[in-house]
C-alpha cells in the first residue's frame, strides 16, 4: 500500500476534482492519497467524487488555507 500527496492548492473548480479523479486511476486498490486544496467547492466535490466512484473518504479537515482530504482508493 502506498500513500501520496496531491497538492492542488490554487486551482479552481472543477480542476481539483478532475485532477483527483485522474490521480486515483494510477493507484492500486487500498492505496491512500492526501489531497490539498484551496477551492471552497472541494469541500463538496471531493466527498461526492468518493461516494460516486466507490472510494473511501477517510478524513476531511479545514486547514488555514483550504482543505485536506485523505482518500483510500476503492475497487
N, C-alpha and C. Protein backbone atom coordinates (compact mmCIF):
# COMPACT_ATOMS: atom_id res chain seq x y z
N UNK A 1 0.85 -1.17 0.00
CA UNK A 1 0.00 0.00 0.00
C UNK A 1 0.90 1.24 0.00
N UNK A 2 0.58 2.17 -0.87
CA UNK A 2 1.36 3.39 -0.92
C UNK A 2 0.50 4.58 -0.50
N UNK A 3 1.15 5.68 -0.21
CA UNK A 3 0.46 6.90 0.19
C UNK A 3 1.13 8.08 -0.51
N UNK A 4 0.32 8.87 -1.23
CA UNK A 4 0.86 10.02 -1.95
C UNK A 4 0.10 11.28 -1.53
N UNK A 5 0.69 12.42 -1.84
CA UNK A 5 0.05 13.71 -1.60
C UNK A 5 -0.12 14.42 -2.92
N UNK A 6 -1.32 14.93 -3.15
CA UNK A 6 -1.65 15.67 -4.35
C UNK A 6 -1.93 17.11 -3.94
N UNK A 7 -1.03 18.02 -4.29
CA UNK A 7 -1.16 19.43 -3.93
C UNK A 7 -1.88 20.17 -5.04
N UNK A 8 -3.14 20.51 -4.81
CA UNK A 8 -3.96 21.19 -5.80
C UNK A 8 -4.32 22.61 -5.36
N UNK A 9 -3.52 23.14 -4.45
CA UNK A 9 -3.78 24.50 -3.96
C UNK A 9 -3.66 25.50 -5.11
N UNK A 10 -4.59 26.45 -5.14
CA UNK A 10 -4.59 27.47 -6.17
C UNK A 10 -5.46 27.15 -7.37
N UNK A 11 -5.87 25.89 -7.52
CA UNK A 11 -6.73 25.51 -8.63
C UNK A 11 -8.20 25.73 -8.28
N UNK A 12 -8.97 26.16 -9.26
CA UNK A 12 -10.39 26.43 -9.07
C UNK A 12 -11.24 25.32 -9.69
N UNK A 13 -12.46 25.19 -9.19
CA UNK A 13 -13.44 24.23 -9.67
C UNK A 13 -13.59 24.35 -11.19
N UNK A 14 -13.57 23.25 -11.90
CA UNK A 14 -13.64 21.86 -11.48
C UNK A 14 -12.29 21.15 -11.43
N UNK A 15 -11.18 21.88 -11.58
CA UNK A 15 -9.87 21.22 -11.68
C UNK A 15 -9.50 20.34 -10.50
N UNK A 16 -9.73 20.73 -9.24
CA UNK A 16 -9.33 19.83 -8.14
C UNK A 16 -9.98 18.45 -8.22
N UNK A 17 -11.27 18.39 -8.50
CA UNK A 17 -11.93 17.08 -8.55
C UNK A 17 -11.50 16.30 -9.79
N UNK A 18 -11.29 16.97 -10.91
CA UNK A 18 -10.85 16.28 -12.12
C UNK A 18 -9.44 15.71 -11.96
N UNK A 19 -8.54 16.48 -11.37
CA UNK A 19 -7.17 16.01 -11.16
C UNK A 19 -7.12 14.90 -10.10
N UNK A 20 -8.01 14.99 -9.10
CA UNK A 20 -8.09 13.93 -8.09
C UNK A 20 -8.55 12.63 -8.74
N UNK A 21 -9.59 12.71 -9.56
CA UNK A 21 -10.09 11.50 -10.24
C UNK A 21 -9.00 10.88 -11.11
N UNK A 22 -8.26 11.70 -11.85
CA UNK A 22 -7.21 11.18 -12.71
C UNK A 22 -6.09 10.53 -11.89
N UNK A 23 -5.70 11.16 -10.79
CA UNK A 23 -4.64 10.59 -9.94
C UNK A 23 -5.07 9.27 -9.34
N UNK A 24 -6.34 9.14 -8.99
CA UNK A 24 -6.84 7.89 -8.41
C UNK A 24 -6.74 6.73 -9.40
N UNK A 25 -6.83 7.01 -10.69
CA UNK A 25 -6.75 5.92 -11.69
C UNK A 25 -5.37 5.28 -11.71
N UNK A 26 -4.36 6.00 -11.22
CA UNK A 26 -2.98 5.47 -11.23
C UNK A 26 -2.63 4.72 -9.95
N UNK A 27 -3.57 4.66 -9.00
CA UNK A 27 -3.30 3.99 -7.73
C UNK A 27 -3.90 2.59 -7.73
N UNK A 28 -3.36 1.75 -6.86
CA UNK A 28 -3.90 0.41 -6.66
C UNK A 28 -4.98 0.46 -5.58
N UNK A 29 -5.89 -0.49 -5.61
CA UNK A 29 -6.93 -0.57 -4.60
C UNK A 29 -6.30 -0.58 -3.21
N UNK A 30 -6.83 0.28 -2.33
CA UNK A 30 -6.33 0.37 -0.96
C UNK A 30 -5.26 1.43 -0.75
N UNK A 31 -4.66 1.91 -1.84
CA UNK A 31 -3.68 2.99 -1.71
C UNK A 31 -4.36 4.24 -1.16
N UNK A 32 -3.60 5.07 -0.47
CA UNK A 32 -4.13 6.29 0.12
C UNK A 32 -3.54 7.52 -0.56
N UNK A 33 -4.36 8.56 -0.61
CA UNK A 33 -3.92 9.80 -1.21
C UNK A 33 -4.44 10.97 -0.38
N UNK A 34 -3.54 11.88 -0.04
CA UNK A 34 -3.92 13.12 0.62
C UNK A 34 -4.06 14.19 -0.47
N UNK A 35 -5.20 14.89 -0.47
CA UNK A 35 -5.47 15.93 -1.45
C UNK A 35 -5.55 17.26 -0.70
N UNK A 36 -4.73 18.22 -1.11
CA UNK A 36 -4.70 19.55 -0.51
C UNK A 36 -5.31 20.54 -1.50
N UNK A 37 -6.31 21.31 -1.05
CA UNK A 37 -6.99 22.25 -1.94
C UNK A 37 -7.21 23.60 -1.25
N UNK A 38 -7.42 24.62 -2.07
CA UNK A 38 -7.83 25.93 -1.56
C UNK A 38 -9.21 26.31 -2.12
N UNK A 39 -9.71 25.55 -3.06
CA UNK A 39 -11.01 25.83 -3.68
C UNK A 39 -12.14 25.48 -2.70
N UNK A 40 -13.02 26.44 -2.34
CA UNK A 40 -14.09 26.15 -1.39
C UNK A 40 -15.06 25.07 -1.87
N UNK A 41 -15.22 24.90 -3.17
CA UNK A 41 -16.13 23.87 -3.69
C UNK A 41 -15.60 22.45 -3.48
N UNK A 42 -14.31 22.32 -3.23
CA UNK A 42 -13.74 20.99 -3.00
C UNK A 42 -14.36 20.32 -1.78
N UNK A 43 -14.82 21.12 -0.83
CA UNK A 43 -15.47 20.58 0.37
C UNK A 43 -16.71 19.76 0.01
N UNK A 44 -17.33 20.08 -1.11
CA UNK A 44 -18.49 19.34 -1.61
C UNK A 44 -18.06 18.32 -2.66
N UNK A 45 -17.19 18.76 -3.57
CA UNK A 45 -16.84 17.94 -4.73
C UNK A 45 -16.04 16.68 -4.41
N UNK A 46 -15.07 16.77 -3.53
CA UNK A 46 -14.22 15.60 -3.23
C UNK A 46 -15.01 14.50 -2.53
N UNK A 47 -15.81 14.80 -1.48
CA UNK A 47 -16.64 13.74 -0.89
C UNK A 47 -17.62 13.13 -1.90
N UNK A 48 -18.19 13.97 -2.78
CA UNK A 48 -19.11 13.47 -3.80
C UNK A 48 -18.39 12.53 -4.76
N UNK A 49 -17.18 12.90 -5.17
CA UNK A 49 -16.37 12.03 -6.04
C UNK A 49 -16.17 10.66 -5.40
N UNK A 50 -15.83 10.66 -4.11
CA UNK A 50 -15.59 9.39 -3.40
C UNK A 50 -16.84 8.52 -3.40
N UNK A 51 -17.98 9.10 -3.05
CA UNK A 51 -19.20 8.30 -2.99
C UNK A 51 -19.64 7.84 -4.38
N UNK A 52 -19.44 8.67 -5.38
CA UNK A 52 -19.84 8.34 -6.74
C UNK A 52 -18.95 7.26 -7.36
N UNK A 53 -17.65 7.31 -7.09
CA UNK A 53 -16.71 6.41 -7.73
C UNK A 53 -16.28 5.23 -6.86
N UNK A 54 -16.81 5.12 -5.64
CA UNK A 54 -16.53 3.96 -4.80
C UNK A 54 -15.25 4.04 -4.00
N UNK A 55 -14.74 5.23 -3.76
CA UNK A 55 -13.55 5.41 -2.93
C UNK A 55 -14.00 5.75 -1.51
N UNK A 56 -13.08 5.64 -0.56
CA UNK A 56 -13.41 5.93 0.84
C UNK A 56 -12.77 7.25 1.25
N UNK A 57 -13.59 8.14 1.78
CA UNK A 57 -13.10 9.39 2.34
C UNK A 57 -12.78 9.12 3.80
N UNK A 58 -11.49 9.03 4.13
CA UNK A 58 -11.07 8.69 5.48
C UNK A 58 -11.11 9.90 6.41
N UNK A 59 -10.81 11.09 5.87
CA UNK A 59 -10.90 12.31 6.67
C UNK A 59 -11.00 13.51 5.77
N UNK A 60 -11.64 14.54 6.30
CA UNK A 60 -11.75 15.83 5.61
C UNK A 60 -11.57 16.90 6.67
N UNK A 61 -10.55 17.74 6.51
CA UNK A 61 -10.24 18.76 7.52
C UNK A 61 -10.08 20.12 6.87
N UNK A 62 -10.55 21.14 7.57
CA UNK A 62 -10.27 22.51 7.14
C UNK A 62 -8.85 22.83 7.60
N UNK A 63 -8.12 23.53 6.74
CA UNK A 63 -6.78 23.97 7.08
C UNK A 63 -6.77 25.50 7.07
N UNK A 64 -5.65 26.09 7.38
CA UNK A 64 -5.55 27.55 7.40
C UNK A 64 -5.81 28.15 6.03
N UNK A 65 -5.50 27.40 4.97
CA UNK A 65 -5.65 27.94 3.62
C UNK A 65 -6.72 27.24 2.79
N UNK A 66 -7.32 26.17 3.28
CA UNK A 66 -8.31 25.44 2.49
C UNK A 66 -8.74 24.16 3.15
N UNK A 67 -8.49 23.03 2.48
CA UNK A 67 -8.91 21.73 2.98
C UNK A 67 -7.84 20.68 2.74
N UNK A 68 -7.90 19.63 3.55
CA UNK A 68 -7.06 18.46 3.38
C UNK A 68 -7.97 17.24 3.45
N UNK A 69 -7.90 16.39 2.43
CA UNK A 69 -8.72 15.18 2.36
C UNK A 69 -7.80 13.97 2.31
N UNK A 70 -8.16 12.93 3.05
CA UNK A 70 -7.44 11.66 2.97
C UNK A 70 -8.39 10.65 2.36
N UNK A 71 -8.00 10.10 1.20
CA UNK A 71 -8.82 9.16 0.46
C UNK A 71 -8.14 7.80 0.39
N UNK A 72 -8.97 6.76 0.31
CA UNK A 72 -8.47 5.42 0.06
C UNK A 72 -9.14 4.94 -1.22
N UNK A 73 -8.33 4.47 -2.17
CA UNK A 73 -8.88 4.04 -3.45
C UNK A 73 -9.69 2.77 -3.28
N UNK A 74 -10.89 2.78 -3.86
CA UNK A 74 -11.76 1.60 -3.87
C UNK A 74 -11.47 0.73 -5.08
N UNK A 75 -12.31 -0.27 -5.28
CA UNK A 75 -12.15 -1.20 -6.40
C UNK A 75 -12.33 -0.54 -7.73
